[in-house]
N, C-alpha and C. Protein backbone atom coordinates (compact mmCIF):
# COMPACT_ATOMS: atom_id res chain seq x y z
N THR A 1 -23.77 7.55 -17.83
CA THR A 1 -23.25 6.62 -17.77
C THR A 1 -21.80 6.89 -19.04
N LYS A 2 -21.68 7.91 -19.55
CA LYS A 2 -19.92 7.83 -20.39
C LYS A 2 -18.43 7.74 -19.81
N LEU A 3 -19.19 8.43 -18.98
CA LEU A 3 -17.37 8.32 -17.58
C LEU A 3 -16.96 7.62 -17.82
N SER A 4 -15.68 7.66 -17.63
CA SER A 4 -14.27 6.65 -17.28
C SER A 4 -14.89 6.70 -15.49
N GLY A 5 -14.02 5.32 -15.12
CA GLY A 5 -14.39 5.20 -13.81
C GLY A 5 -13.60 6.36 -13.06
N GLY A 6 -12.20 6.83 -13.75
CA GLY A 6 -11.64 7.91 -12.67
C GLY A 6 -12.45 8.62 -13.15
N GLU A 7 -13.30 9.38 -14.11
CA GLU A 7 -13.96 10.55 -14.55
C GLU A 7 -15.05 11.25 -12.98
N ALA A 8 -15.87 9.66 -12.93
CA ALA A 8 -16.92 9.40 -11.94
C ALA A 8 -16.49 9.52 -10.61
N GLN A 9 -15.43 9.34 -10.52
CA GLN A 9 -14.47 9.29 -8.97
C GLN A 9 -14.41 10.75 -9.14
N ARG A 10 -14.06 11.36 -9.88
CA ARG A 10 -13.55 13.46 -9.84
C ARG A 10 -15.10 13.92 -9.16
N VAL A 11 -15.89 13.46 -10.28
CA VAL A 11 -17.22 13.85 -10.06
C VAL A 11 -17.73 13.84 -8.61
N LEU A 12 -17.44 12.75 -7.80
CA LEU A 12 -18.05 12.02 -6.63
C LEU A 12 -17.59 12.80 -5.47
N LEU A 13 -16.23 12.82 -6.36
CA LEU A 13 -15.08 13.76 -4.82
C LEU A 13 -15.79 15.27 -4.76
N THR A 14 -15.43 16.18 -6.47
CA THR A 14 -16.21 16.92 -6.42
C THR A 14 -17.62 17.21 -5.39
N ILE A 15 -18.58 16.67 -5.54
CA ILE A 15 -19.83 16.41 -4.68
C ILE A 15 -19.31 16.45 -3.02
N ALA A 16 -18.55 15.49 -2.11
CA ALA A 16 -18.11 15.44 -1.48
C ALA A 16 -17.68 16.79 -0.99
N PHE A 17 -16.49 17.52 -1.37
CA PHE A 17 -15.72 17.90 -0.73
C PHE A 17 -16.91 19.32 -1.00
N SER A 18 -18.07 20.03 -1.61
CA SER A 18 -18.30 21.04 -2.13
C SER A 18 -19.55 20.65 -1.33
N ASN A 19 -19.97 19.94 -0.48
CA ASN A 19 -21.31 20.23 0.24
C ASN A 19 -20.21 20.83 2.38
N SER A 20 -21.14 21.13 2.78
CA SER A 20 -21.05 21.31 3.71
C SER A 20 -21.54 20.38 5.28
N ALA A 21 -21.16 19.64 4.58
CA ALA A 21 -20.80 18.01 5.92
C ALA A 21 -20.10 18.51 6.71
N LYS A 22 -19.66 18.06 7.64
CA LYS A 22 -18.48 18.38 8.55
C LYS A 22 -18.28 16.81 9.18
N TYR A 23 -18.04 16.13 9.04
CA TYR A 23 -17.94 14.62 8.48
C TYR A 23 -17.66 14.17 7.21
N LEU A 24 -16.80 13.99 6.45
CA LEU A 24 -16.67 13.16 5.20
C LEU A 24 -16.07 11.87 5.44
N LEU A 25 -16.65 10.91 4.10
CA LEU A 25 -16.50 8.90 4.66
C LEU A 25 -15.66 9.29 2.88
N LEU A 26 -14.66 8.95 2.51
CA LEU A 26 -14.74 9.11 0.80
C LEU A 26 -13.63 7.63 1.49
N ASP A 27 -14.04 6.54 0.23
CA ASP A 27 -13.38 5.41 -0.03
C ASP A 27 -12.68 5.23 -1.21
N GLU A 28 -11.60 4.90 -0.59
CA GLU A 28 -10.33 5.04 -1.63
C GLU A 28 -10.14 6.31 -2.78
N PRO A 29 -10.24 7.34 -2.07
CA PRO A 29 -10.84 8.25 -2.52
C PRO A 29 -9.02 8.99 -3.94
N PHE A 30 -8.11 8.33 -4.24
CA PHE A 30 -6.70 7.83 -4.79
C PHE A 30 -7.42 6.86 -6.18
N ALA A 31 -8.34 6.38 -5.49
CA ALA A 31 -8.52 5.40 -7.24
C ALA A 31 -8.96 5.65 -8.62
N SER A 32 -8.30 4.96 -9.22
CA SER A 32 -8.06 5.75 -10.65
C SER A 32 -8.04 6.91 -11.37
N GLN A 33 -7.10 7.32 -10.67
CA GLN A 33 -6.86 8.74 -10.38
C GLN A 33 -5.34 9.30 -10.75
N ASP A 34 -4.76 9.80 -12.04
CA ASP A 34 -3.35 10.27 -12.17
C ASP A 34 -2.84 11.00 -11.14
N VAL A 35 -1.02 10.89 -11.05
CA VAL A 35 -0.24 11.73 -9.58
C VAL A 35 -0.56 12.91 -9.92
N GLN A 36 -1.10 13.49 -10.60
CA GLN A 36 -1.08 15.31 -10.45
C GLN A 36 -2.04 15.26 -9.99
N PHE A 37 -3.68 14.93 -9.49
CA PHE A 37 -5.26 14.63 -9.94
C PHE A 37 -4.99 14.64 -8.37
N ILE A 38 -4.32 13.09 -7.44
CA ILE A 38 -3.73 12.93 -6.59
C ILE A 38 -3.12 14.33 -5.70
N GLU A 39 -2.39 14.37 -6.02
CA GLU A 39 -1.62 15.92 -5.59
C GLU A 39 -2.69 17.24 -5.09
N GLN A 40 -3.44 16.65 -6.83
CA GLN A 40 -4.51 17.92 -6.30
C GLN A 40 -5.75 17.53 -4.61
N ILE A 41 -5.95 16.39 -4.60
CA ILE A 41 -6.64 15.77 -3.73
C ILE A 41 -6.40 16.29 -2.00
N LYS A 42 -5.64 15.56 -2.29
CA LYS A 42 -4.23 15.78 -1.03
C LYS A 42 -4.68 16.96 -0.76
N LEU A 43 -4.43 18.37 -1.54
CA LEU A 43 -4.42 20.11 -1.22
C LEU A 43 -5.81 20.67 -0.88
N ILE A 44 -6.99 19.86 -0.80
CA ILE A 44 -7.99 19.90 -0.98
C ILE A 44 -8.69 19.35 0.62
N MET A 45 -7.90 18.15 0.49
CA MET A 45 -8.48 17.41 2.22
C MET A 45 -7.56 18.71 2.97
N LYS A 46 -6.15 18.78 2.54
CA LYS A 46 -5.85 19.74 3.84
C LYS A 46 -6.64 20.77 3.94
N GLY A 47 -7.03 21.21 3.21
CA GLY A 47 -8.01 22.44 3.40
C GLY A 47 -9.44 22.15 4.16
N GLN A 48 -9.80 20.94 3.30
CA GLN A 48 -10.98 20.33 4.33
C GLN A 48 -10.24 20.60 5.69
N LEU A 49 -9.62 20.23 6.01
CA LEU A 49 -9.06 19.82 7.66
C LEU A 49 -8.62 21.24 8.13
N LYS A 50 -7.97 22.08 7.47
CA LYS A 50 -8.24 23.01 8.29
C LYS A 50 -9.31 23.81 8.29
N LEU A 51 -10.55 23.68 8.03
CA LEU A 51 -12.26 24.35 8.15
C LEU A 51 -12.40 23.60 8.42
N GLY A 52 -12.21 22.20 9.76
CA GLY A 52 -11.90 22.07 10.45
C GLY A 52 -12.89 20.67 10.04
N LYS A 53 -13.13 20.10 9.02
CA LYS A 53 -14.55 18.74 8.84
C LYS A 53 -13.31 17.48 9.54
N THR A 54 -13.80 16.64 9.35
CA THR A 54 -13.56 15.30 9.99
C THR A 54 -13.78 14.67 8.75
N ILE A 55 -12.16 13.87 8.45
CA ILE A 55 -12.13 13.37 7.02
C ILE A 55 -12.12 11.52 7.24
N LEU A 56 -12.89 10.62 7.26
CA LEU A 56 -12.25 9.19 7.35
C LEU A 56 -12.15 8.52 5.57
N VAL A 57 -11.48 7.87 5.62
CA VAL A 57 -10.97 7.63 4.07
C VAL A 57 -10.65 5.82 4.83
N ALA A 58 -11.20 5.02 3.91
CA ALA A 58 -11.17 4.07 3.37
C ALA A 58 -10.23 3.00 2.31
N SER A 59 -9.23 2.47 2.65
CA SER A 59 -8.19 1.70 1.62
C SER A 59 -7.95 0.96 1.95
N HIS A 60 -7.19 -0.08 0.66
CA HIS A 60 -6.57 -1.16 1.31
C HIS A 60 -5.12 -1.90 0.69
N ILE A 61 -4.98 -0.13 0.32
CA ILE A 61 -3.86 0.35 -0.49
C ILE A 61 -2.48 0.92 0.76
N ALA A 62 -1.63 0.14 1.71
CA ALA A 62 -0.87 0.72 2.70
C ALA A 62 -0.41 2.23 2.22
N VAL A 63 0.14 2.35 0.70
CA VAL A 63 0.77 3.65 0.35
C VAL A 63 -0.12 5.13 0.39
N GLU A 64 -1.66 4.67 -0.02
CA GLU A 64 -2.42 5.43 -0.26
C GLU A 64 -2.68 5.65 1.42
N ALA A 65 -2.97 4.79 2.32
CA ALA A 65 -3.07 5.63 3.73
C ALA A 65 -1.86 6.04 3.98
N ASP A 66 -0.42 6.00 4.06
CA ASP A 66 0.41 6.28 4.24
C ASP A 66 0.84 8.09 4.05
N GLN A 67 0.19 7.92 3.06
CA GLN A 67 0.11 9.75 1.85
C GLN A 67 -1.00 10.43 2.32
N ILE A 68 -2.67 9.81 3.08
CA ILE A 68 -3.53 10.19 3.85
C ILE A 68 -2.81 10.68 5.56
N ILE A 69 -2.11 9.56 6.28
CA ILE A 69 -1.64 10.14 6.99
C ILE A 69 -0.86 11.15 7.54
N GLU A 70 -0.08 12.20 6.17
CA GLU A 70 0.84 13.07 6.22
C GLU A 70 -0.05 14.20 6.34
N LEU A 71 -0.92 14.48 5.93
CA LEU A 71 -1.14 15.11 5.63
C LEU A 71 -2.08 15.95 7.00
N ILE A 72 -1.77 15.59 7.99
CA ILE A 72 -2.19 15.71 9.79
C ILE A 72 -1.15 16.63 10.16
């Protein structure tokens, strides 16, 4: 209850990326994050894709969606 929104988002992303699920559903994974952490998230997502995981991302921000499309 003492985490900020961005900190809570990081915890949830860590949990999502560390499990063995084949499919990941991420709702606005870049929300409340700084530029450096967004770059880390993108690198982790690339690694997950290379492992054969499927990632579905929901976002209403066009720039964010474009950044994710660049990962493919």
